[in-house]
Amino acid sequence: MDRLSLLLTPMSGAVITGAIVIVMFSLGFYSWTAIAIGVGIGCILAWPAAYVVSRRIKEADPRWSVRSRKERLRGGLPEV
């Protein structure tokens, strides 16, 4: 389990949801269904987006220790 992605999930969910709701409002959809669609898409995409951001942060950090294959969990995910 990637702990950094768990910390980034609420932030990325808020950003994605806010962007979608702003786009819906700018297109003229002023209803609760437009907001619900934005919230639903934001909830679905929050963790995958946070996981990608977490991987990129760790790949860009020169001091992040890369662990050997023996220390990795199933699926190739590092144990953190």
N, C-alpha and C. Protein backbone atom coordinates (compact mmCIF):
# COMPACT_ATOMS: atom_id res chain seq x y z
N MET A 1 0.85 -1.17 0.00
CA MET A 1 0.00 0.00 0.00
C MET A 1 0.89 1.23 0.00
N ASP A 2 0.56 2.16 -0.81
CA ASP A 2 1.33 3.39 -0.96
C ASP A 2 0.70 4.46 -0.08
N ARG A 3 1.38 4.81 1.02
CA ARG A 3 0.81 5.75 1.97
C ARG A 3 0.71 7.16 1.41
N LEU A 4 1.67 7.55 0.58
CA LEU A 4 1.62 8.89 0.00
C LEU A 4 0.39 9.06 -0.87
N SER A 5 0.02 8.03 -1.61
CA SER A 5 -1.17 8.14 -2.45
C SER A 5 -2.44 8.25 -1.61
N LEU A 6 -2.43 7.64 -0.43
CA LEU A 6 -3.59 7.77 0.45
C LEU A 6 -3.73 9.20 0.97
N LEU A 7 -2.61 9.87 1.18
CA LEU A 7 -2.67 11.27 1.62
C LEU A 7 -3.05 12.21 0.48
N LEU A 8 -2.68 11.84 -0.73
CA LEU A 8 -2.99 12.68 -1.89
C LEU A 8 -4.40 12.47 -2.43
N THR A 9 -5.06 11.39 -2.05
CA THR A 9 -6.38 11.06 -2.59
C THR A 9 -7.43 12.13 -2.33
N PRO A 10 -7.60 12.64 -1.11
CA PRO A 10 -8.63 13.69 -0.91
C PRO A 10 -8.33 14.96 -1.70
N MET A 11 -7.05 15.31 -1.80
CA MET A 11 -6.70 16.53 -2.54
C MET A 11 -6.96 16.38 -4.03
N SER A 12 -6.57 15.23 -4.57
CA SER A 12 -6.80 15.03 -6.01
C SER A 12 -8.29 14.89 -6.30
N GLY A 13 -9.03 14.28 -5.40
CA GLY A 13 -10.48 14.18 -5.59
C GLY A 13 -11.15 15.54 -5.58
N ALA A 14 -10.70 16.42 -4.69
CA ALA A 14 -11.28 17.77 -4.65
C ALA A 14 -10.94 18.55 -5.92
N VAL A 15 -9.72 18.40 -6.41
CA VAL A 15 -9.32 19.12 -7.62
C VAL A 15 -10.09 18.61 -8.84
N ILE A 16 -10.19 17.30 -8.98
CA ILE A 16 -10.91 16.72 -10.12
C ILE A 16 -12.38 17.08 -10.08
N THR A 17 -13.00 16.94 -8.90
CA THR A 17 -14.41 17.26 -8.76
C THR A 17 -14.67 18.74 -9.03
N GLY A 18 -13.83 19.60 -8.48
CA GLY A 18 -14.00 21.03 -8.71
C GLY A 18 -13.86 21.40 -10.17
N ALA A 19 -12.89 20.82 -10.84
CA ALA A 19 -12.69 21.12 -12.27
C ALA A 19 -13.90 20.68 -13.09
N ILE A 20 -14.41 19.50 -12.81
CA ILE A 20 -15.55 18.99 -13.58
C ILE A 20 -16.79 19.83 -13.32
N VAL A 21 -17.02 20.22 -12.06
CA VAL A 21 -18.18 21.04 -11.74
C VAL A 21 -18.07 22.42 -12.40
N ILE A 22 -16.88 22.99 -12.41
CA ILE A 22 -16.69 24.29 -13.07
C ILE A 22 -16.95 24.17 -14.57
N VAL A 23 -16.47 23.09 -15.18
CA VAL A 23 -16.73 22.89 -16.61
C VAL A 23 -18.22 22.72 -16.87
N MET A 24 -18.90 21.96 -16.02
CA MET A 24 -20.35 21.79 -16.19
C MET A 24 -21.08 23.12 -16.06
N PHE A 25 -20.71 23.92 -15.06
CA PHE A 25 -21.35 25.23 -14.90
C PHE A 25 -21.05 26.15 -16.07
N SER A 26 -19.83 26.12 -16.58
CA SER A 26 -19.51 27.00 -17.70
C SER A 26 -20.21 26.57 -18.98
N LEU A 27 -20.60 25.30 -19.08
CA LEU A 27 -21.36 24.83 -20.23
C LEU A 27 -22.86 25.08 -20.08
N GLY A 28 -23.28 25.59 -18.92
CA GLY A 28 -24.68 25.95 -18.73
C GLY A 28 -25.52 24.91 -18.01
N PHE A 29 -24.90 23.90 -17.43
CA PHE A 29 -25.65 22.87 -16.71
C PHE A 29 -25.70 23.25 -15.23
N TYR A 30 -26.78 23.92 -14.81
CA TYR A 30 -26.93 24.37 -13.44
C TYR A 30 -27.97 23.49 -12.74
N SER A 31 -27.63 22.27 -12.46
CA SER A 31 -28.57 21.39 -11.76
C SER A 31 -27.80 20.49 -10.80
N TRP A 32 -28.55 19.84 -9.94
CA TRP A 32 -27.89 18.96 -8.99
C TRP A 32 -27.32 17.73 -9.67
N THR A 33 -27.87 17.35 -10.83
CA THR A 33 -27.33 16.18 -11.53
C THR A 33 -25.94 16.48 -12.09
N ALA A 34 -25.70 17.72 -12.52
CA ALA A 34 -24.37 18.09 -13.00
C ALA A 34 -23.35 18.00 -11.87
N ILE A 35 -23.75 18.45 -10.69
CA ILE A 35 -22.86 18.37 -9.54
C ILE A 35 -22.65 16.91 -9.14
N ALA A 36 -23.71 16.11 -9.17
CA ALA A 36 -23.59 14.69 -8.82
C ALA A 36 -22.69 13.95 -9.80
N ILE A 37 -22.78 14.28 -11.07
CA ILE A 37 -21.89 13.65 -12.06
C ILE A 37 -20.44 14.03 -11.78
N GLY A 38 -20.20 15.30 -11.47
CA GLY A 38 -18.85 15.74 -11.15
C GLY A 38 -18.30 15.05 -9.91
N VAL A 39 -19.13 14.93 -8.89
CA VAL A 39 -18.71 14.25 -7.66
C VAL A 39 -18.43 12.77 -7.92
N GLY A 40 -19.29 12.14 -8.70
CA GLY A 40 -19.08 10.71 -9.01
C GLY A 40 -17.79 10.46 -9.77
N ILE A 41 -17.55 11.28 -10.80
CA ILE A 41 -16.32 11.11 -11.57
C ILE A 41 -15.11 11.43 -10.70
N GLY A 42 -15.21 12.46 -9.85
CA GLY A 42 -14.11 12.81 -8.96
C GLY A 42 -13.79 11.70 -7.97
N CYS A 43 -14.83 11.05 -7.45
CA CYS A 43 -14.61 9.94 -6.51
C CYS A 43 -13.98 8.74 -7.20
N ILE A 44 -14.38 8.49 -8.42
CA ILE A 44 -13.85 7.34 -9.15
C ILE A 44 -12.39 7.56 -9.54
N LEU A 45 -12.04 8.78 -9.95
CA LEU A 45 -10.70 9.05 -10.44
C LEU A 45 -9.72 9.55 -9.38
N ALA A 46 -10.17 9.73 -8.15
CA ALA A 46 -9.32 10.32 -7.11
C ALA A 46 -8.12 9.43 -6.78
N TRP A 47 -8.34 8.17 -6.46
CA TRP A 47 -7.22 7.32 -6.08
C TRP A 47 -6.27 7.01 -7.23
N PRO A 48 -6.75 6.67 -8.43
CA PRO A 48 -5.78 6.44 -9.51
C PRO A 48 -4.93 7.67 -9.82
N ALA A 49 -5.52 8.86 -9.78
CA ALA A 49 -4.75 10.07 -10.02
C ALA A 49 -3.72 10.29 -8.91
N ALA A 50 -4.12 10.05 -7.67
CA ALA A 50 -3.19 10.20 -6.55
C ALA A 50 -2.07 9.18 -6.64
N TYR A 51 -2.36 7.98 -7.09
CA TYR A 51 -1.34 6.95 -7.23
C TYR A 51 -0.31 7.35 -8.29
N VAL A 52 -0.78 7.89 -9.40
CA VAL A 52 0.14 8.33 -10.47
C VAL A 52 1.01 9.47 -9.97
N VAL A 53 0.42 10.43 -9.27
CA VAL A 53 1.20 11.55 -8.73
C VAL A 53 2.22 11.04 -7.70
N SER A 54 1.83 10.11 -6.88
CA SER A 54 2.73 9.55 -5.88
C SER A 54 3.92 8.84 -6.55
N ARG A 55 3.66 8.06 -7.57
CA ARG A 55 4.75 7.38 -8.30
C ARG A 55 5.69 8.39 -8.93
N ARG A 56 5.15 9.45 -9.52
CA ARG A 56 6.01 10.46 -10.16
C ARG A 56 6.84 11.22 -9.14
N ILE A 57 6.27 11.50 -7.97
CA ILE A 57 7.03 12.17 -6.92
C ILE A 57 8.19 11.28 -6.48
N LYS A 58 7.92 10.01 -6.27
CA LYS A 58 8.96 9.10 -5.80
C LYS A 58 10.01 8.83 -6.87
N GLU A 59 9.62 8.81 -8.14
CA GLU A 59 10.60 8.61 -9.20
C GLU A 59 11.50 9.83 -9.37
N ALA A 60 10.97 11.02 -9.11
CA ALA A 60 11.75 12.24 -9.27
C ALA A 60 12.65 12.53 -8.07
N ASP A 61 12.40 11.89 -6.95
CA ASP A 61 13.18 12.13 -5.74
C ASP A 61 14.48 11.33 -5.81
N PRO A 62 15.65 11.99 -5.85
CA PRO A 62 16.90 11.24 -5.94
C PRO A 62 17.25 10.50 -4.66
N ARG A 63 16.68 10.90 -3.53
CA ARG A 63 17.00 10.23 -2.27
C ARG A 63 16.05 9.08 -1.94
N TRP A 64 15.06 8.83 -2.79
CA TRP A 64 14.13 7.73 -2.55
C TRP A 64 14.84 6.43 -2.85
N SER A 65 14.87 5.54 -1.89
CA SER A 65 15.59 4.28 -2.08
C SER A 65 14.76 3.31 -2.90
N VAL A 66 15.36 2.79 -3.94
CA VAL A 66 14.69 1.79 -4.77
C VAL A 66 14.99 0.44 -4.15
N ARG A 67 13.95 -0.29 -3.85
CA ARG A 67 14.14 -1.57 -3.19
C ARG A 67 14.27 -2.68 -4.22
N SER A 68 14.92 -3.74 -3.79
CA SER A 68 15.13 -4.86 -4.70
C SER A 68 13.82 -5.60 -4.94
N ARG A 69 13.83 -6.49 -5.92
CA ARG A 69 12.61 -7.25 -6.25
C ARG A 69 12.18 -8.15 -5.10
N LYS A 70 13.12 -8.62 -4.29
CA LYS A 70 12.76 -9.50 -3.19
C LYS A 70 11.97 -8.76 -2.12
N GLU A 71 12.17 -7.46 -2.00
CA GLU A 71 11.49 -6.69 -0.98
C GLU A 71 10.14 -6.17 -1.45
N ARG A 72 9.76 -6.43 -2.67
CA ARG A 72 8.50 -5.93 -3.19
C ARG A 72 7.37 -6.92 -2.90
N LEU A 73 6.18 -6.36 -2.78
CA LEU A 73 5.01 -7.19 -2.56
C LEU A 73 4.50 -7.73 -3.89
N ARG A 74 3.44 -8.49 -3.83
CA ARG A 74 2.86 -9.03 -5.06
C ARG A 74 2.38 -7.87 -5.94
N GLY A 75 2.48 -8.04 -7.21
CA GLY A 75 2.07 -7.02 -8.13
C GLY A 75 3.15 -6.00 -8.43
N GLY A 76 4.35 -6.17 -7.88
CA GLY A 76 5.44 -5.25 -8.13
C GLY A 76 5.39 -3.97 -7.34
N LEU A 77 4.48 -3.87 -6.35
CA LEU A 77 4.38 -2.66 -5.55
C LEU A 77 5.38 -2.70 -4.42
N PRO A 78 6.07 -1.60 -4.15
CA PRO A 78 7.03 -1.61 -3.05
C PRO A 78 6.31 -1.57 -1.71
N GLU A 79 6.93 -2.16 -0.72
CA GLU A 79 6.36 -2.12 0.62
C GLU A 79 6.83 -0.84 1.28
N VAL A 80 5.88 0.01 1.69
CA VAL A 80 6.23 1.27 2.33
C VAL A 80 5.69 1.34 3.72
